[in-house]
Amino acid sequence: MKHPVDVHVGKRIRHRRWIGGTTQQQLAEQVGIKFQQIQKYETGMNRVSASRLWDIAQVLGVPVSFFFEGLDMENGASEVETGDMPGDVLMDREALELLRSYYAIPEHQRRRLFDLARVLSEAA
């Protein structure tokens, strides 16, 4: 049975890997394991050891704490759905593509796009 914390950490690994445009194979090679192991981590089937999570964080350029962000400290599960946003947004390919495209935009233009999105969402 999958533990909710392992599932959450796996989703965060997948999210960060995908945003950076890194394949499972590339991440696995840089960490020194097989890509199948990355698949198991990302689905929560296998737990990520502390040392392996450290290695993955180094390769993906994030602090280890990144993988635990959004975790409900009381029951170890990811935060539930809020409003119109699904709780599993990190697994939505369209959302991830949007994030990747967003961060590819120069910062000053990205800020203007963010402001536009906020105004449009408030008007909806």
N, C-alpha and C. Protein backbone atom coordinates (compact mmCIF):
# COMPACT_ATOMS: atom_id res chain seq x y z
N MET A 1 0.83 -1.19 0.00
CA MET A 1 0.00 0.00 0.00
C MET A 1 0.88 1.26 0.00
N LYS A 2 0.51 2.21 -0.82
CA LYS A 2 1.28 3.45 -0.92
C LYS A 2 1.01 4.34 0.29
N HIS A 3 2.07 4.93 0.80
CA HIS A 3 1.93 5.89 1.90
C HIS A 3 1.70 7.27 1.28
N PRO A 4 0.77 8.06 1.83
CA PRO A 4 0.48 9.39 1.26
C PRO A 4 1.70 10.30 1.14
N VAL A 5 2.63 10.19 2.07
CA VAL A 5 3.83 11.04 1.99
C VAL A 5 4.69 10.62 0.80
N ASP A 6 4.82 9.32 0.57
CA ASP A 6 5.61 8.84 -0.58
C ASP A 6 4.97 9.29 -1.90
N VAL A 7 3.66 9.25 -1.95
CA VAL A 7 2.94 9.69 -3.16
C VAL A 7 3.17 11.19 -3.37
N HIS A 8 3.07 11.97 -2.31
CA HIS A 8 3.28 13.42 -2.41
C HIS A 8 4.70 13.75 -2.86
N VAL A 9 5.69 13.13 -2.24
CA VAL A 9 7.09 13.36 -2.61
C VAL A 9 7.31 12.97 -4.07
N GLY A 10 6.74 11.85 -4.49
CA GLY A 10 6.87 11.40 -5.87
C GLY A 10 6.29 12.39 -6.86
N LYS A 11 5.14 12.95 -6.51
CA LYS A 11 4.51 13.95 -7.38
C LYS A 11 5.39 15.18 -7.50
N ARG A 12 5.99 15.57 -6.39
CA ARG A 12 6.85 16.75 -6.40
C ARG A 12 8.12 16.50 -7.23
N ILE A 13 8.65 15.28 -7.17
CA ILE A 13 9.81 14.93 -8.00
C ILE A 13 9.41 15.04 -9.47
N ARG A 14 8.28 14.43 -9.82
CA ARG A 14 7.81 14.46 -11.22
C ARG A 14 7.59 15.90 -11.67
N HIS A 15 6.95 16.69 -10.84
CA HIS A 15 6.67 18.08 -11.16
C HIS A 15 7.95 18.86 -11.47
N ARG A 16 8.91 18.77 -10.57
CA ARG A 16 10.14 19.53 -10.75
C ARG A 16 10.96 19.02 -11.94
N ARG A 17 10.97 17.71 -12.12
CA ARG A 17 11.69 17.12 -13.25
C ARG A 17 11.06 17.60 -14.55
N TRP A 18 9.76 17.58 -14.60
CA TRP A 18 9.06 17.94 -15.83
C TRP A 18 9.20 19.42 -16.14
N ILE A 19 9.09 20.26 -15.12
CA ILE A 19 9.25 21.71 -15.31
C ILE A 19 10.63 22.03 -15.86
N GLY A 20 11.63 21.32 -15.40
CA GLY A 20 12.99 21.55 -15.87
C GLY A 20 13.29 20.90 -17.21
N GLY A 21 12.33 20.16 -17.75
CA GLY A 21 12.54 19.51 -19.05
C GLY A 21 13.47 18.31 -18.97
N THR A 22 13.56 17.70 -17.81
CA THR A 22 14.43 16.54 -17.61
C THR A 22 13.61 15.26 -17.75
N THR A 23 14.12 14.31 -18.49
CA THR A 23 13.42 13.03 -18.62
C THR A 23 13.74 12.14 -17.42
N GLN A 24 12.95 11.09 -17.26
CA GLN A 24 13.23 10.13 -16.19
C GLN A 24 14.61 9.52 -16.41
N GLN A 25 14.92 9.23 -17.66
CA GLN A 25 16.22 8.63 -17.98
C GLN A 25 17.37 9.55 -17.60
N GLN A 26 17.26 10.82 -17.93
CA GLN A 26 18.31 11.78 -17.60
C GLN A 26 18.50 11.91 -16.10
N LEU A 27 17.40 12.01 -15.38
CA LEU A 27 17.48 12.12 -13.92
C LEU A 27 18.12 10.87 -13.34
N ALA A 28 17.69 9.73 -13.81
CA ALA A 28 18.22 8.46 -13.30
C ALA A 28 19.73 8.37 -13.53
N GLU A 29 20.17 8.74 -14.72
CA GLU A 29 21.61 8.69 -15.02
C GLU A 29 22.40 9.62 -14.11
N GLN A 30 21.88 10.81 -13.87
CA GLN A 30 22.60 11.77 -13.03
C GLN A 30 22.63 11.35 -11.57
N VAL A 31 21.64 10.57 -11.16
CA VAL A 31 21.58 10.11 -9.78
C VAL A 31 22.29 8.76 -9.62
N GLY A 32 22.45 8.05 -10.75
CA GLY A 32 23.14 6.77 -10.72
C GLY A 32 22.25 5.56 -10.47
N ILE A 33 21.00 5.65 -10.98
CA ILE A 33 20.07 4.53 -10.85
C ILE A 33 19.38 4.29 -12.18
N LYS A 34 18.52 3.29 -12.25
CA LYS A 34 17.75 2.98 -13.46
C LYS A 34 16.51 3.87 -13.52
N PHE A 35 16.04 4.17 -14.75
CA PHE A 35 14.88 5.04 -14.87
C PHE A 35 13.62 4.41 -14.29
N GLN A 36 13.58 3.08 -14.24
CA GLN A 36 12.42 2.40 -13.65
C GLN A 36 12.27 2.78 -12.17
N GLN A 37 13.42 3.01 -11.51
CA GLN A 37 13.36 3.39 -10.11
C GLN A 37 12.76 4.79 -9.96
N ILE A 38 13.09 5.67 -10.89
CA ILE A 38 12.49 7.01 -10.88
C ILE A 38 10.98 6.88 -11.05
N GLN A 39 10.54 6.01 -11.96
CA GLN A 39 9.11 5.79 -12.15
C GLN A 39 8.44 5.35 -10.84
N LYS A 40 9.08 4.44 -10.14
CA LYS A 40 8.52 3.94 -8.88
C LYS A 40 8.49 5.04 -7.83
N TYR A 41 9.50 5.89 -7.80
CA TYR A 41 9.50 7.01 -6.87
C TYR A 41 8.34 7.96 -7.19
N GLU A 42 8.19 8.28 -8.47
CA GLU A 42 7.20 9.26 -8.87
C GLU A 42 5.76 8.80 -8.63
N THR A 43 5.51 7.51 -8.63
CA THR A 43 4.17 6.99 -8.36
C THR A 43 3.95 6.71 -6.89
N GLY A 44 5.00 6.79 -6.09
CA GLY A 44 4.89 6.49 -4.68
C GLY A 44 4.96 5.00 -4.36
N MET A 45 5.25 4.19 -5.36
CA MET A 45 5.36 2.74 -5.14
C MET A 45 6.58 2.42 -4.26
N ASN A 46 7.67 3.15 -4.46
CA ASN A 46 8.88 2.97 -3.64
C ASN A 46 9.17 4.25 -2.88
N ARG A 47 9.63 4.09 -1.66
CA ARG A 47 10.04 5.24 -0.86
C ARG A 47 11.41 5.70 -1.33
N VAL A 48 11.62 7.00 -1.23
CA VAL A 48 12.90 7.59 -1.57
C VAL A 48 13.70 7.74 -0.27
N SER A 49 14.87 7.14 -0.23
CA SER A 49 15.70 7.28 0.98
C SER A 49 16.17 8.72 1.10
N ALA A 50 16.59 9.08 2.29
CA ALA A 50 17.06 10.45 2.54
C ALA A 50 18.24 10.81 1.64
N SER A 51 19.19 9.89 1.50
CA SER A 51 20.36 10.19 0.68
C SER A 51 20.00 10.30 -0.80
N ARG A 52 19.06 9.47 -1.25
CA ARG A 52 18.64 9.53 -2.65
C ARG A 52 17.84 10.81 -2.90
N LEU A 53 17.01 11.22 -1.94
CA LEU A 53 16.26 12.46 -2.08
C LEU A 53 17.21 13.65 -2.13
N TRP A 54 18.27 13.57 -1.35
CA TRP A 54 19.30 14.62 -1.38
C TRP A 54 19.92 14.70 -2.77
N ASP A 55 20.28 13.55 -3.34
CA ASP A 55 20.86 13.52 -4.69
C ASP A 55 19.89 14.08 -5.73
N ILE A 56 18.63 13.67 -5.65
CA ILE A 56 17.63 14.14 -6.60
C ILE A 56 17.46 15.65 -6.48
N ALA A 57 17.42 16.16 -5.25
CA ALA A 57 17.29 17.60 -5.03
C ALA A 57 18.47 18.35 -5.64
N GLN A 58 19.67 17.81 -5.49
CA GLN A 58 20.86 18.45 -6.06
C GLN A 58 20.78 18.52 -7.58
N VAL A 59 20.37 17.41 -8.19
CA VAL A 59 20.27 17.36 -9.66
C VAL A 59 19.18 18.31 -10.16
N LEU A 60 18.05 18.37 -9.46
CA LEU A 60 16.94 19.21 -9.91
C LEU A 60 17.06 20.66 -9.45
N GLY A 61 18.06 20.96 -8.63
CA GLY A 61 18.33 22.33 -8.22
C GLY A 61 17.31 22.91 -7.24
N VAL A 62 16.84 22.08 -6.32
CA VAL A 62 15.88 22.53 -5.31
C VAL A 62 16.34 22.06 -3.94
N PRO A 63 15.90 22.73 -2.88
CA PRO A 63 16.20 22.21 -1.54
C PRO A 63 15.36 20.97 -1.27
N VAL A 64 15.79 20.11 -0.40
CA VAL A 64 15.06 18.89 -0.06
C VAL A 64 13.65 19.24 0.43
N SER A 65 13.51 20.35 1.11
CA SER A 65 12.20 20.76 1.64
C SER A 65 11.16 20.97 0.54
N PHE A 66 11.61 21.23 -0.70
CA PHE A 66 10.70 21.41 -1.82
C PHE A 66 9.75 20.23 -1.97
N PHE A 67 10.26 19.03 -1.73
CA PHE A 67 9.47 17.82 -1.95
C PHE A 67 8.38 17.64 -0.91
N PHE A 68 8.44 18.38 0.18
CA PHE A 68 7.45 18.26 1.24
C PHE A 68 6.48 19.44 1.29
N GLU A 69 6.69 20.43 0.43
CA GLU A 69 5.80 21.59 0.40
C GLU A 69 4.39 21.13 0.04
N GLY A 70 3.39 21.70 0.73
CA GLY A 70 2.00 21.36 0.46
C GLY A 70 1.52 20.11 1.17
N LEU A 71 2.35 19.58 2.04
CA LEU A 71 2.00 18.37 2.77
C LEU A 71 1.26 18.75 4.05
N ASP A 72 0.13 18.13 4.27
CA ASP A 72 -0.64 18.35 5.49
C ASP A 72 0.08 17.66 6.63
N MET A 73 0.58 18.41 7.57
CA MET A 73 1.41 17.85 8.65
C MET A 73 0.63 16.97 9.62
N GLU A 74 -0.70 17.11 9.67
CA GLU A 74 -1.46 16.32 10.63
C GLU A 74 -1.71 14.90 10.17
N ASN A 75 -2.03 14.70 8.88
CA ASN A 75 -2.33 13.34 8.43
C ASN A 75 -1.42 12.83 7.33
N GLY A 76 -0.42 13.62 6.96
CA GLY A 76 0.55 13.17 5.98
C GLY A 76 0.04 13.11 4.57
N ALA A 77 -1.08 13.73 4.27
CA ALA A 77 -1.63 13.71 2.92
C ALA A 77 -1.44 15.07 2.27
N SER A 78 -1.55 15.09 0.95
CA SER A 78 -1.49 16.35 0.23
C SER A 78 -2.72 17.16 0.57
N GLU A 79 -2.58 18.46 0.46
CA GLU A 79 -3.71 19.32 0.73
C GLU A 79 -4.85 18.99 -0.22
N VAL A 80 -6.06 19.12 0.25
CA VAL A 80 -7.24 18.77 -0.54
C VAL A 80 -7.57 19.87 -1.53
N GLU A 81 -8.55 19.57 -2.39
CA GLU A 81 -8.95 20.53 -3.41
C GLU A 81 -9.44 21.82 -2.78
N THR A 82 -9.10 22.92 -3.43
CA THR A 82 -9.56 24.22 -2.97
C THR A 82 -10.21 24.93 -4.13
N GLY A 83 -11.45 25.32 -3.95
CA GLY A 83 -12.16 26.04 -5.00
C GLY A 83 -12.30 25.21 -6.26
N ASP A 84 -11.95 25.82 -7.40
CA ASP A 84 -12.06 25.14 -8.69
C ASP A 84 -10.78 24.41 -9.08
N MET A 85 -9.78 24.45 -8.22
CA MET A 85 -8.49 23.85 -8.56
C MET A 85 -8.39 22.43 -8.00
N PRO A 86 -8.09 21.46 -8.87
CA PRO A 86 -7.98 20.08 -8.37
C PRO A 86 -6.78 19.93 -7.45
N GLY A 87 -6.91 19.04 -6.46
CA GLY A 87 -5.82 18.80 -5.53
C GLY A 87 -4.64 18.13 -6.19
N ASP A 88 -4.86 17.53 -7.35
CA ASP A 88 -3.81 16.78 -8.04
C ASP A 88 -3.30 17.54 -9.27
N VAL A 89 -3.20 18.86 -9.15
CA VAL A 89 -2.83 19.69 -10.30
C VAL A 89 -1.44 19.34 -10.83
N LEU A 90 -0.55 18.82 -9.99
CA LEU A 90 0.80 18.47 -10.44
C LEU A 90 0.81 17.27 -11.37
N MET A 91 -0.29 16.53 -11.42
CA MET A 91 -0.36 15.37 -12.31
C MET A 91 -1.04 15.73 -13.63
N ASP A 92 -1.55 16.96 -13.75
CA ASP A 92 -2.24 17.39 -14.95
C ASP A 92 -1.23 17.89 -15.97
N ARG A 93 -1.15 17.20 -17.10
CA ARG A 93 -0.15 17.53 -18.12
C ARG A 93 -0.32 18.95 -18.65
N GLU A 94 -1.57 19.37 -18.85
CA GLU A 94 -1.82 20.72 -19.37
C GLU A 94 -1.30 21.78 -18.39
N ALA A 95 -1.54 21.55 -17.11
CA ALA A 95 -1.06 22.51 -16.10
C ALA A 95 0.46 22.56 -16.08
N LEU A 96 1.10 21.42 -16.20
CA LEU A 96 2.55 21.39 -16.21
C LEU A 96 3.12 22.05 -17.46
N GLU A 97 2.48 21.86 -18.60
CA GLU A 97 2.93 22.53 -19.82
C GLU A 97 2.78 24.04 -19.69
N LEU A 98 1.68 24.45 -19.07
CA LEU A 98 1.47 25.87 -18.85
C LEU A 98 2.55 26.45 -17.94
N LEU A 99 2.89 25.74 -16.89
CA LEU A 99 3.96 26.19 -15.99
C LEU A 99 5.30 26.29 -16.71
N ARG A 100 5.62 25.28 -17.49
CA ARG A 100 6.90 25.30 -18.22
C ARG A 100 6.94 26.49 -19.17
N SER A 101 5.85 26.71 -19.90
CA SER A 101 5.80 27.84 -20.83
C SER A 101 5.89 29.17 -20.09
N TYR A 102 5.20 29.26 -18.96
CA TYR A 102 5.20 30.47 -18.16
C TYR A 102 6.62 30.84 -17.72
N TYR A 103 7.37 29.87 -17.23
CA TYR A 103 8.72 30.16 -16.75
C TYR A 103 9.73 30.34 -17.86
N ALA A 104 9.34 30.06 -19.09
CA ALA A 104 10.22 30.31 -20.23
C ALA A 104 10.13 31.76 -20.69
N ILE A 105 9.13 32.48 -20.22
CA ILE A 105 8.92 33.88 -20.58
C ILE A 105 9.84 34.75 -19.72
N PRO A 106 10.43 35.80 -20.30
CA PRO A 106 11.26 36.71 -19.50
C PRO A 106 10.46 37.27 -18.31
N GLU A 107 11.16 37.52 -17.21
CA GLU A 107 10.50 37.86 -15.95
C GLU A 107 9.56 39.05 -16.03
N HIS A 108 9.98 40.14 -16.69
CA HIS A 108 9.11 41.32 -16.74
C HIS A 108 7.83 41.04 -17.53
N GLN A 109 7.90 40.25 -18.59
CA GLN A 109 6.71 39.87 -19.35
C GLN A 109 5.87 38.86 -18.56
N ARG A 110 6.53 37.99 -17.83
CA ARG A 110 5.83 36.99 -17.01
C ARG A 110 4.97 37.68 -15.96
N ARG A 111 5.50 38.72 -15.36
CA ARG A 111 4.76 39.47 -14.35
C ARG A 111 3.49 40.08 -14.94
N ARG A 112 3.61 40.63 -16.15
CA ARG A 112 2.45 41.23 -16.81
C ARG A 112 1.41 40.16 -17.17
N LEU A 113 1.89 39.00 -17.60
CA LEU A 113 0.98 37.88 -17.90
C LEU A 113 0.27 37.41 -16.63
N PHE A 114 0.99 37.36 -15.54
CA PHE A 114 0.41 36.96 -14.26
C PHE A 114 -0.70 37.94 -13.86
N ASP A 115 -0.42 39.23 -13.98
CA ASP A 115 -1.42 40.25 -13.65
C ASP A 115 -2.67 40.11 -14.54
N LEU A 116 -2.46 39.86 -15.82
CA LEU A 116 -3.57 39.67 -16.74
C LEU A 116 -4.41 38.45 -16.34
N ALA A 117 -3.75 37.34 -16.01
CA ALA A 117 -4.46 36.12 -15.60
C ALA A 117 -5.29 36.39 -14.33
N ARG A 118 -4.73 37.12 -13.41
CA ARG A 118 -5.45 37.43 -12.17
C ARG A 118 -6.69 38.24 -12.47
N VAL A 119 -6.58 39.25 -13.32
CA VAL A 119 -7.72 40.09 -13.67
C VAL A 119 -8.79 39.26 -14.38
N LEU A 120 -8.37 38.40 -15.30
CA LEU A 120 -9.33 37.56 -16.01
C LEU A 120 -10.04 36.59 -15.08
N SER A 121 -9.32 36.03 -14.13
CA SER A 121 -9.94 35.07 -13.20
C SER A 121 -10.93 35.77 -12.27
N GLU A 122 -10.64 37.00 -11.90
CA GLU A 122 -11.55 37.75 -11.04
C GLU A 122 -12.81 38.15 -11.80
N ALA A 123 -12.67 38.37 -13.11
CA ALA A 123 -13.82 38.77 -13.93
C ALA A 123 -14.71 37.58 -14.30
N ALA A 124 -14.18 36.37 -14.18
CA ALA A 124 -14.94 35.17 -14.57
C ALA A 124 -16.02 34.82 -13.57
